[in-house]
Amino acid sequence: MKKTFIIVLFVALLLPLSVFAQGAKEAAIDETKPVTIQYWTHEDPARTQLETELIAKFMADNPNITVVRSTQASVKQIELVQTAFAANQGPDMFNLPIENQYAYITNGRVAPVDYQAAGYASKQDLLDKYMDGVLDTVTVDGEVYGLPLELTNWCIYLNKKVFRSAGLDPEKDYPKTWEEMADISEKLVIRDGDILIRRGFDFRYPYYLTFFVPMVEQLGGDLLSSDGKKAIIGDEAWLKALTYMQQWGPSGRNLGSPTYKNARNLFNQDNNDIAMAHTGLYQQGRIEKDNPAFFKSGEWMVIPYPTFKDAVRDVAACYYGHFFMVNADSDPAVQKAAWKLAGFLLSHGEEYLTRGGNIIQPTKALFASDTLKNMPYSQVFIDDMARSHMIYYGENSAQIQTQIRNAVESVMLSGVSPEKALATLRASVQEIIDEQ
């Protein structure tokens, strides 16, 4: 199989070009000289409002530092950061989902955390502040390369009114298994011919590492072997999961499709076009902002991630992290200022939770706080996180996710058999890990 242009670009942009920047950290840094931090992050109106306030305070306290904050939609942000690094014009500080960000560590494009600049006495002081294991994800050869802006998992939001309109009791009839999810969605859908006017539920396309791989794991399959050398483990599990998606799609029971608008983006409006959506705790802040009446109505609830009826593992959707990272090619003074900014922002964890997009920063203090415990349905998210694991985040994770997307969408949209899709998926993922 020939390498695609995208893969070549991805590898090229991540070639380590930062030797001199790494060495420059040993030199004395003038922390009083004027510096500008280019900070790129994904769109979130609530977080933008909070960070705008916090950054203004940070700049007032540090008059030599100017922060330029730029935002893009999540998927577009991934592409822009990749392209910018390929041109050696990457932002000074940025965050991405870890499955898209990890390769920047392994290829030397980001700098290790400056503990003192970020407000910690030492590496151990940093580790002691966070939930056990959280920083393992961004630790390579003993160095920590990122600070977590958020740790996120997704559960299922449910509109009670839509359930009742189909004669269902949302408190009792909500789906516990994937089989029930399909059957209940069949009762909830409204169609105009083949067009879905109302969906019962739909998946969070295209984040297949987050939601689809756990479905395979429930059935006993795995993405990779334990040694990481063999791809796509457990044919029966993969075939059943692919068949489920085939039957879900427009050529099967016609319950949903990647071609429709993201269910999460519809849910807040309460327009009788979606009953259930897969999203995170942060969605609550967006509901409150977009539709305050619906938020206060008591007409929505959150339920756990379903499992297959014959599941052999109780696995919820993967959680993932967005980490603040700093460009290793930025001027050393800019790097230090960027870590200072990251530490300052992350010292406001409860504000991020309550008015910064309802995002969870995985510190021990926040997980023990009444603020988190008192968030609506926060216990559902905490319980699901306990039966979950971090998303696959190898340096090739973005490429692997693309291949899973191709497999799933080929059976849903192109009439490819699950058997053929599985064979193609195994070959393509095996090639990716062999080339690593």
Protein backbone atom coordinates (compact mmCIF):
# COMPACT_ATOMS: atom_id res chain seq x y z
CA MET A 1 0.00 0.00 0.00
CA LYS A 2 1.41 3.37 -0.98
CA LYS A 3 1.74 6.06 1.61
CA THR A 4 -0.80 8.81 1.17
CA PHE A 5 0.14 12.44 0.94
CA ILE A 6 -1.46 13.05 4.34
CA ILE A 7 0.73 10.48 6.05
CA VAL A 8 3.85 11.86 4.39
CA LEU A 9 2.89 15.38 5.48
CA PHE A 10 2.19 14.25 9.02
CA VAL A 11 5.56 12.53 9.32
CA ALA A 12 7.37 15.44 7.74
CA LEU A 13 5.89 18.04 10.01
CA LEU A 14 6.92 16.13 13.10
CA LEU A 15 10.58 15.63 12.26
CA PRO A 16 12.58 16.90 15.22
CA LEU A 17 13.86 20.35 14.42
CA SER A 18 14.31 21.60 17.95
CA VAL A 19 17.81 20.63 19.02
CA PHE A 20 18.99 24.18 19.39
CA ALA A 21 15.87 25.27 21.24
CA GLN A 22 16.27 22.42 23.70
CA GLY A 23 19.86 23.35 24.34
CA ALA A 24 19.03 27.01 24.72
CA LYS A 25 17.12 26.28 27.89
CA GLU A 26 20.44 25.93 29.66
CA ALA A 27 21.27 29.60 29.02
CA ALA A 28 20.14 32.40 31.31
CA ILE A 29 16.78 33.85 30.27
CA ASP A 30 15.84 37.49 30.64
CA GLU A 31 12.30 37.22 32.03
CA THR A 32 11.74 40.97 31.85
CA LYS A 33 12.12 41.46 28.11
CA PRO A 34 8.91 41.93 26.10
CA VAL A 35 7.57 38.66 24.65
CA THR A 36 4.44 37.63 22.78
CA ILE A 37 2.78 34.23 23.22
CA GLN A 38 0.75 32.89 20.32
CA TYR A 39 -1.83 30.64 22.03
CA TRP A 40 -4.03 28.45 19.80
CA THR A 41 -7.01 26.56 21.17
CA HIS A 42 -10.35 25.10 20.05
CA GLU A 43 -13.59 27.05 20.11
CA ASP A 44 -15.72 27.06 23.24
CA PRO A 45 -17.67 30.27 23.92
CA ALA A 46 -17.85 29.77 27.70
CA ARG A 47 -14.14 29.02 27.98
CA THR A 48 -13.34 31.94 25.70
CA GLN A 49 -15.13 34.33 28.04
CA LEU A 50 -13.30 32.96 31.09
CA GLU A 51 -9.88 32.80 29.45
CA THR A 52 -10.26 36.31 28.04
CA GLU A 53 -10.76 37.56 31.60
CA LEU A 54 -7.92 35.44 33.01
CA ILE A 55 -5.49 36.40 30.25
CA ALA A 56 -6.26 40.10 30.80
CA LYS A 57 -5.40 39.66 34.48
CA PHE A 58 -2.27 37.68 33.60
CA MET A 59 -1.04 40.41 31.26
CA ALA A 60 -1.77 43.10 33.86
CA ASP A 61 0.34 41.15 36.37
CA ASN A 62 3.05 40.51 33.75
CA PRO A 63 3.24 43.72 31.65
CA ASN A 64 6.13 42.41 29.55
CA ILE A 65 4.03 39.48 28.26
CA THR A 66 1.46 39.83 25.48
CA VAL A 67 -0.87 36.88 24.83
CA VAL A 68 -2.59 36.48 21.46
CA ARG A 69 -5.35 33.88 21.79
CA SER A 70 -6.67 32.32 18.55
CA THR A 71 -9.50 29.79 18.21
CA GLN A 72 -10.82 27.43 15.57
CA ALA A 73 -13.35 24.62 15.43
CA SER A 74 -11.92 21.44 16.96
CA VAL A 75 -11.31 19.49 13.74
CA LYS A 76 -9.97 22.54 11.91
CA GLN A 77 -7.64 23.25 14.83
CA ILE A 78 -5.99 19.84 14.44
CA GLU A 79 -5.30 20.54 10.77
CA LEU A 80 -4.02 24.08 11.34
CA VAL A 81 -1.57 23.09 14.07
CA GLN A 82 -0.26 20.27 11.89
CA THR A 83 0.22 22.56 8.90
CA ALA A 84 1.83 25.30 11.00
CA PHE A 85 4.39 22.93 12.49
CA ALA A 86 5.14 21.55 9.02
CA ALA A 87 6.10 25.10 8.03
CA ASN A 88 8.06 25.62 11.29
CA GLN A 89 5.53 28.28 12.28
CA GLY A 90 3.71 26.44 15.04
CA PRO A 91 2.04 28.34 17.88
CA ASP A 92 3.98 28.94 21.09
CA MET A 93 1.31 27.26 23.21
CA PHE A 94 -1.54 25.03 22.06
CA ASN A 95 -3.83 22.19 23.02
CA LEU A 96 -5.26 19.29 21.02
CA PRO A 97 -6.85 15.95 21.90
CA ILE A 98 -4.00 13.73 23.08
CA GLU A 99 -4.47 11.24 20.24
CA ASN A 100 -3.60 14.09 17.86
CA GLN A 101 -1.01 15.68 20.12
CA TYR A 102 1.16 12.80 21.35
CA ALA A 103 3.26 12.66 18.17
CA TYR A 104 4.49 16.20 18.86
CA ILE A 105 6.14 14.81 22.01
CA THR A 106 7.72 11.74 20.45
CA ASN A 107 9.11 13.77 17.56
CA GLY A 108 10.68 16.48 19.70
CA ARG A 109 8.43 19.34 18.66
CA VAL A 110 7.34 20.39 22.16
CA ALA A 111 9.31 21.34 25.25
CA PRO A 112 9.19 19.65 28.66
CA VAL A 113 7.28 21.44 31.39
CA ASP A 114 9.18 24.21 33.13
CA TYR A 115 7.95 23.30 36.63
CA GLN A 116 8.99 26.48 38.40
CA ALA A 117 7.61 28.75 35.67
CA ALA A 118 4.29 26.85 35.83
CA GLY A 119 4.12 27.36 39.59
CA TYR A 120 5.34 24.01 40.93
CA ALA A 121 8.27 23.46 43.24
CA SER A 122 9.37 20.36 41.34
CA LYS A 123 8.23 17.55 39.09
CA GLN A 124 7.09 15.61 42.15
CA ASP A 125 5.07 18.60 43.34
CA LEU A 126 3.32 18.62 39.97
CA LEU A 127 2.61 14.87 40.08
CA ASP A 128 1.26 15.15 43.61
CA LYS A 129 -1.36 17.69 42.51
CA TYR A 130 -2.96 15.45 39.85
CA MET A 131 -4.96 12.23 39.93
CA ASP A 132 -2.72 9.19 39.80
CA GLY A 133 -1.59 8.23 36.32
CA VAL A 134 -3.04 11.23 34.49
CA LEU A 135 0.35 12.66 33.56
CA ASP A 136 1.72 9.27 32.47
CA THR A 137 0.13 10.04 29.10
CA VAL A 138 2.49 12.98 28.50
CA THR A 139 5.57 11.60 30.26
CA VAL A 140 8.38 10.33 28.03
CA ASP A 141 11.82 9.31 29.33
CA GLY A 142 11.00 10.83 32.71
CA GLU A 143 10.04 14.26 31.37
CA VAL A 144 6.51 15.68 31.53
CA TYR A 145 5.53 17.47 28.32
CA GLY A 146 2.02 18.74 28.95
CA LEU A 147 -0.39 20.11 31.53
CA PRO A 148 -4.03 18.97 31.26
CA LEU A 149 -6.52 21.63 30.30
CA GLU A 150 -9.23 19.00 30.55
CA LEU A 151 -9.87 15.30 30.96
CA THR A 152 -13.05 14.41 29.15
CA ASN A 153 -15.36 11.43 28.82
CA TRP A 154 -18.72 11.19 27.09
CA CYS A 155 -22.00 9.78 28.36
CA ILE A 156 -25.44 9.90 26.75
CA TYR A 157 -27.67 12.96 27.10
CA LEU A 158 -31.39 12.17 26.84
CA ASN A 159 -34.37 14.41 26.06
CA LYS A 160 -37.23 13.21 28.26
CA LYS A 161 -39.95 14.91 26.19
CA VAL A 162 -38.95 13.04 23.05
CA PHE A 163 -39.08 9.75 24.94
CA ARG A 164 -42.52 10.48 26.32
CA SER A 165 -43.79 11.49 22.87
CA ALA A 166 -43.10 7.90 21.75
CA GLY A 167 -44.79 6.41 24.80
CA LEU A 168 -41.52 5.66 26.61
CA ASP A 169 -40.67 6.36 30.22
CA PRO A 170 -37.21 7.99 30.13
CA GLU A 171 -36.40 6.98 33.71
CA LYS A 172 -37.11 3.31 33.07
CA ASP A 173 -36.88 2.73 29.32
CA TYR A 174 -33.54 4.33 28.54
CA PRO A 175 -31.16 1.94 26.70
CA LYS A 176 -28.74 -0.11 28.77
CA THR A 177 -27.43 -2.19 25.84
CA TRP A 178 -26.57 -1.42 22.22
CA GLU A 179 -29.31 -3.78 21.16
CA GLU A 180 -31.80 -1.73 23.18
CA MET A 181 -30.32 1.46 21.74
CA ALA A 182 -31.22 0.32 18.22
CA ASP A 183 -34.69 -0.94 19.16
CA ILE A 184 -35.56 2.18 21.16
CA SER A 185 -34.21 4.43 18.40
CA GLU A 186 -36.53 2.60 15.98
CA LYS A 187 -39.46 3.72 18.15
CA LEU A 188 -38.17 7.29 18.34
CA VAL A 189 -37.26 8.03 14.71
CA ILE A 190 -39.47 10.07 12.44
CA ARG A 191 -38.84 9.68 8.70
CA ASP A 192 -39.88 11.47 5.56
CA GLY A 193 -39.25 8.66 3.11
CA ASP A 194 -35.63 7.71 3.72
CA ILE A 195 -34.79 11.07 5.30
CA LEU A 196 -34.56 11.15 9.09
CA ILE A 197 -36.55 14.05 10.50
CA ARG A 198 -35.94 12.88 14.07
CA ARG A 199 -33.24 10.49 15.26
CA GLY A 200 -33.34 8.51 18.46
CA PHE A 201 -29.55 8.56 18.84
CA ASP A 202 -26.54 8.90 16.63
CA PHE A 203 -22.85 8.32 17.11
CA ARG A 204 -20.12 10.90 17.58
CA TYR A 205 -18.60 10.66 14.13
CA PRO A 206 -15.65 10.79 13.32
CA TYR A 207 -14.15 10.07 16.77
CA TYR A 208 -13.92 6.32 16.29
CA LEU A 209 -11.09 5.76 18.78
CA THR A 210 -13.31 7.27 21.46
CA PHE A 211 -16.59 5.43 20.89
CA PHE A 212 -16.10 2.56 18.44
CA VAL A 213 -12.98 0.87 19.80
CA PRO A 214 -14.65 0.50 23.24
CA MET A 215 -17.60 -1.22 21.52
CA VAL A 216 -15.13 -3.73 20.08
CA GLU A 217 -13.46 -4.11 23.47
CA GLN A 218 -16.81 -4.89 25.08
CA LEU A 219 -17.01 -7.91 22.77
CA GLY A 220 -13.48 -9.08 23.61
CA GLY A 221 -11.52 -7.51 20.76
CA ASP A 222 -8.63 -5.07 20.84
CA LEU A 223 -7.06 -2.47 18.61
CA LEU A 224 -3.56 -3.85 19.10
CA SER A 225 -1.94 -6.83 20.76
CA SER A 226 -0.47 -6.33 24.24
CA ASP A 227 3.02 -5.86 22.77
CA GLY A 228 1.71 -3.39 20.20
CA LYS A 229 3.04 -5.40 17.27
CA LYS A 230 -0.14 -6.93 15.87
CA ALA A 231 -3.17 -4.99 14.68
CA ILE A 232 -6.91 -5.68 15.02
CA ILE A 233 -7.28 -8.48 17.55
CA GLY A 234 -10.42 -10.63 17.75
CA ASP A 235 -12.16 -11.03 14.40
CA GLU A 236 -15.52 -11.97 15.89
CA ALA A 237 -15.65 -8.82 18.01
CA TRP A 238 -14.69 -6.51 15.13
CA LEU A 239 -17.14 -8.18 12.75
CA LYS A 240 -20.01 -7.87 15.20
CA ALA A 241 -19.26 -4.20 15.87
CA LEU A 242 -18.92 -3.44 12.15
CA THR A 243 -22.16 -5.32 11.44
CA TYR A 244 -23.90 -3.28 14.13
CA MET A 245 -22.80 -0.06 12.42
CA GLN A 246 -23.84 -1.43 9.02
CA GLN A 247 -27.32 -2.12 10.38
CA TRP A 248 -27.43 1.28 12.07
CA GLY A 249 -26.76 3.13 8.81
CA PRO A 250 -28.95 4.14 5.88
CA SER A 251 -28.65 0.77 4.13
CA GLY A 252 -29.71 -1.09 7.28
CA ARG A 253 -32.30 0.07 9.79
CA ASN A 254 -31.65 3.70 8.80
CA LEU A 255 -31.26 5.04 12.32
CA GLY A 256 -28.42 7.48 11.67
CA SER A 257 -25.43 8.32 9.51
CA PRO A 258 -22.15 10.26 9.42
CA THR A 259 -23.78 12.43 6.75
CA TYR A 260 -26.23 14.02 9.20
CA LYS A 261 -25.50 17.00 11.42
CA ASN A 262 -23.75 16.05 14.65
CA ALA A 263 -26.39 15.03 17.18
CA ARG A 264 -24.58 16.93 19.95
CA ASN A 265 -25.02 20.17 18.02
CA LEU A 266 -28.78 19.62 17.75
CA PHE A 267 -29.51 18.48 21.29
CA ASN A 268 -29.38 21.89 22.98
CA GLN A 269 -32.11 23.37 20.80
CA ASP A 270 -34.81 20.91 21.95
CA ASN A 271 -36.40 20.96 18.49
CA ASN A 272 -37.75 17.39 18.51
CA ASP A 273 -35.05 16.25 16.06
CA ILE A 274 -32.82 14.22 18.39
CA ALA A 275 -33.59 12.20 21.51
CA MET A 276 -30.09 11.22 22.66
CA ALA A 277 -26.59 12.57 22.03
CA HIS A 278 -23.13 11.36 23.03
CA THR A 279 -21.16 14.15 24.67
CA GLY A 280 -19.35 15.34 27.78
CA LEU A 281 -20.05 17.14 31.03
CA TYR A 282 -19.11 20.33 29.22
CA GLN A 283 -22.36 20.06 27.24
CA GLN A 284 -24.28 21.34 30.26
CA GLY A 285 -22.73 24.77 29.99
CA ARG A 286 -23.57 24.85 26.30
CA ILE A 287 -27.20 23.88 26.93
CA GLU A 288 -27.46 26.62 29.56
CA LYS A 289 -26.05 29.21 27.17
CA ASP A 290 -27.93 28.10 24.04
CA ASN A 291 -31.28 27.30 25.63
CA PRO A 292 -31.64 28.42 29.27
CA ALA A 293 -35.30 27.36 29.41
CA PHE A 294 -34.45 23.79 28.38
CA PHE A 295 -31.51 23.70 30.80
CA LYS A 296 -33.77 24.62 33.71
CA SER A 297 -36.73 22.51 32.58
CA GLY A 298 -35.72 19.19 34.11
CA GLU A 299 -36.50 17.64 30.72
CA TRP A 300 -33.02 16.24 30.12
CA MET A 301 -30.92 13.66 31.89
CA VAL A 302 -27.63 11.78 31.46
CA ILE A 303 -27.29 8.01 31.23
CA PRO A 304 -24.25 5.68 31.13
CA TYR A 305 -22.57 4.43 27.98
CA PRO A 306 -24.32 1.20 26.88
CA THR A 307 -22.72 -2.21 26.49
CA PHE A 308 -23.60 -5.10 24.19
CA LYS A 309 -25.99 -7.67 25.66
CA ASP A 310 -23.33 -10.38 25.49
CA ALA A 311 -20.39 -8.12 26.42
CA VAL A 312 -17.41 -9.85 28.01
CA ARG A 313 -15.95 -6.56 29.29
CA ASP A 314 -17.70 -3.63 30.94
CA VAL A 315 -16.01 -0.80 29.03
CA ALA A 316 -17.33 2.74 28.64
CA ALA A 317 -16.32 5.27 26.00
CA CYS A 318 -12.66 6.24 26.22
CA TYR A 319 -11.69 9.41 27.99
CA TYR A 320 -9.19 11.76 26.43
CA GLY A 321 -7.14 14.74 27.45
CA HIS A 322 -6.44 18.14 26.00
CA PHE A 323 -3.00 19.21 27.21
CA PHE A 324 -1.30 22.58 27.13
CA MET A 325 1.99 22.12 25.29
CA VAL A 326 4.74 24.56 24.39
CA ASN A 327 6.61 24.74 21.10
CA ALA A 328 10.24 23.66 21.56
CA ASP A 329 11.28 25.96 18.70
CA SER A 330 9.91 29.09 20.38
CA ASP A 331 12.35 31.53 21.91
CA PRO A 332 13.38 30.29 25.40
CA ALA A 333 11.91 33.41 27.00
CA VAL A 334 8.63 32.78 25.20
CA GLN A 335 8.66 29.14 26.36
CA LYS A 336 9.08 30.20 29.97
CA ALA A 337 6.33 32.80 29.65
CA ALA A 338 4.04 30.21 28.04
CA TRP A 339 4.50 27.75 30.91
CA LYS A 340 3.85 30.60 33.32
CA LEU A 341 0.60 31.33 31.45
CA ALA A 342 -0.41 27.64 31.43
CA GLY A 343 0.18 27.33 35.16
CA PHE A 344 -1.80 30.49 35.84
CA LEU A 345 -4.79 29.35 33.79
CA LEU A 346 -4.79 25.92 35.41
CA SER A 347 -4.78 27.42 38.89
CA HIS A 348 -8.45 28.31 38.26
CA GLY A 349 -9.81 24.77 37.95
CA GLU A 350 -13.14 25.36 39.71
CA GLU A 351 -13.85 28.38 37.50
CA TYR A 352 -13.25 26.26 34.38
CA LEU A 353 -15.74 23.76 35.78
CA THR A 354 -18.46 26.23 36.72
CA ARG A 355 -18.22 28.90 34.04
CA GLY A 356 -15.43 27.92 31.65
CA GLY A 357 -17.27 25.27 29.70
CA ASN A 358 -17.85 22.73 32.50
CA ILE A 359 -14.54 21.06 31.79
CA ILE A 360 -12.78 18.85 34.31
CA GLN A 361 -9.14 19.44 35.15
CA PRO A 362 -8.02 16.16 36.79
CA THR A 363 -6.51 17.55 39.97
CA LYS A 364 -7.00 15.80 43.28
CA ALA A 365 -8.46 18.99 44.71
CA LEU A 366 -11.14 19.27 42.02
CA PHE A 367 -12.17 15.61 42.20
CA ALA A 368 -12.60 15.99 45.97
CA SER A 369 -14.55 19.25 45.67
CA ASP A 370 -18.24 19.80 46.32
CA THR A 371 -18.24 21.90 43.17
CA LEU A 372 -17.76 18.82 40.99
CA LYS A 373 -19.96 16.59 43.12
CA ASN A 374 -22.84 19.07 42.89
CA MET A 375 -22.78 19.33 39.08
CA PRO A 376 -25.90 17.70 37.56
CA TYR A 377 -25.22 14.06 36.70
CA SER A 378 -21.51 14.43 37.46
CA GLN A 379 -21.59 11.06 39.20
CA VAL A 380 -22.64 9.39 35.94
CA PHE A 381 -19.53 10.78 34.29
CA ILE A 382 -17.29 9.85 37.23
CA ASP A 383 -18.67 6.29 37.29
CA ASP A 384 -18.26 5.88 33.54
CA MET A 385 -14.69 7.19 33.75
CA ALA A 386 -13.98 4.48 36.34
CA ARG A 387 -14.94 1.79 33.81
CA SER A 388 -13.05 3.42 30.98
CA HIS A 389 -9.45 4.06 29.95
CA MET A 390 -7.44 6.67 28.12
CA ILE A 391 -7.93 6.74 24.37
CA TYR A 392 -5.19 5.15 22.25
CA TYR A 393 -2.61 7.90 21.86
CA GLY A 394 0.43 6.47 20.06
CA GLU A 395 2.24 8.72 17.63
CA ASN A 396 0.30 7.01 14.84
CA SER A 397 -3.13 7.36 16.50
CA ALA A 398 -4.47 9.94 14.04
CA GLN A 399 -3.59 7.68 11.10
CA ILE A 400 -5.16 4.64 12.78
CA GLN A 401 -8.35 6.55 13.55
CA THR A 402 -8.61 7.47 9.86
CA GLN A 403 -8.40 3.79 8.90
CA ILE A 404 -11.13 2.86 11.42
CA ARG A 405 -13.25 5.65 10.01
CA ASN A 406 -12.76 4.28 6.51
CA ALA A 407 -13.81 0.80 7.67
CA VAL A 408 -16.92 1.89 9.56
CA GLU A 409 -18.12 4.34 6.94
CA SER A 410 -17.50 1.88 4.11
CA VAL A 411 -19.96 -0.62 5.64
CA MET A 412 -22.44 2.15 6.52
CA LEU A 413 -22.37 4.15 3.30
CA SER A 414 -20.69 2.19 0.50
CA GLY A 415 -22.12 -1.31 0.77
CA VAL A 416 -18.80 -2.92 1.69
CA SER A 417 -19.20 -6.17 3.64
CA PRO A 418 -17.95 -6.23 7.24
CA GLU A 419 -15.57 -9.06 6.28
CA LYS A 420 -13.96 -7.06 3.48
CA ALA A 421 -13.83 -3.90 5.60
CA LEU A 422 -12.12 -5.84 8.40
CA ALA A 423 -9.50 -7.31 6.07
CA THR A 424 -8.70 -3.86 4.67
CA LEU A 425 -8.59 -2.34 8.14
CA ARG A 426 -6.22 -4.99 9.47
CA ALA A 427 -3.83 -4.60 6.54
CA SER A 428 -3.76 -0.80 6.71
CA VAL A 429 -3.31 -0.58 10.50
CA GLN A 430 -0.67 -3.31 10.45
CA GLU A 431 1.26 -1.33 7.83
CA ILE A 432 1.06 1.79 9.98
CA ILE A 433 2.42 0.12 13.11
CA ASP A 434 5.10 -1.75 11.12
CA GLU A 435 6.34 1.58 9.76
CA GLN A 436 6.47 3.24 13.17
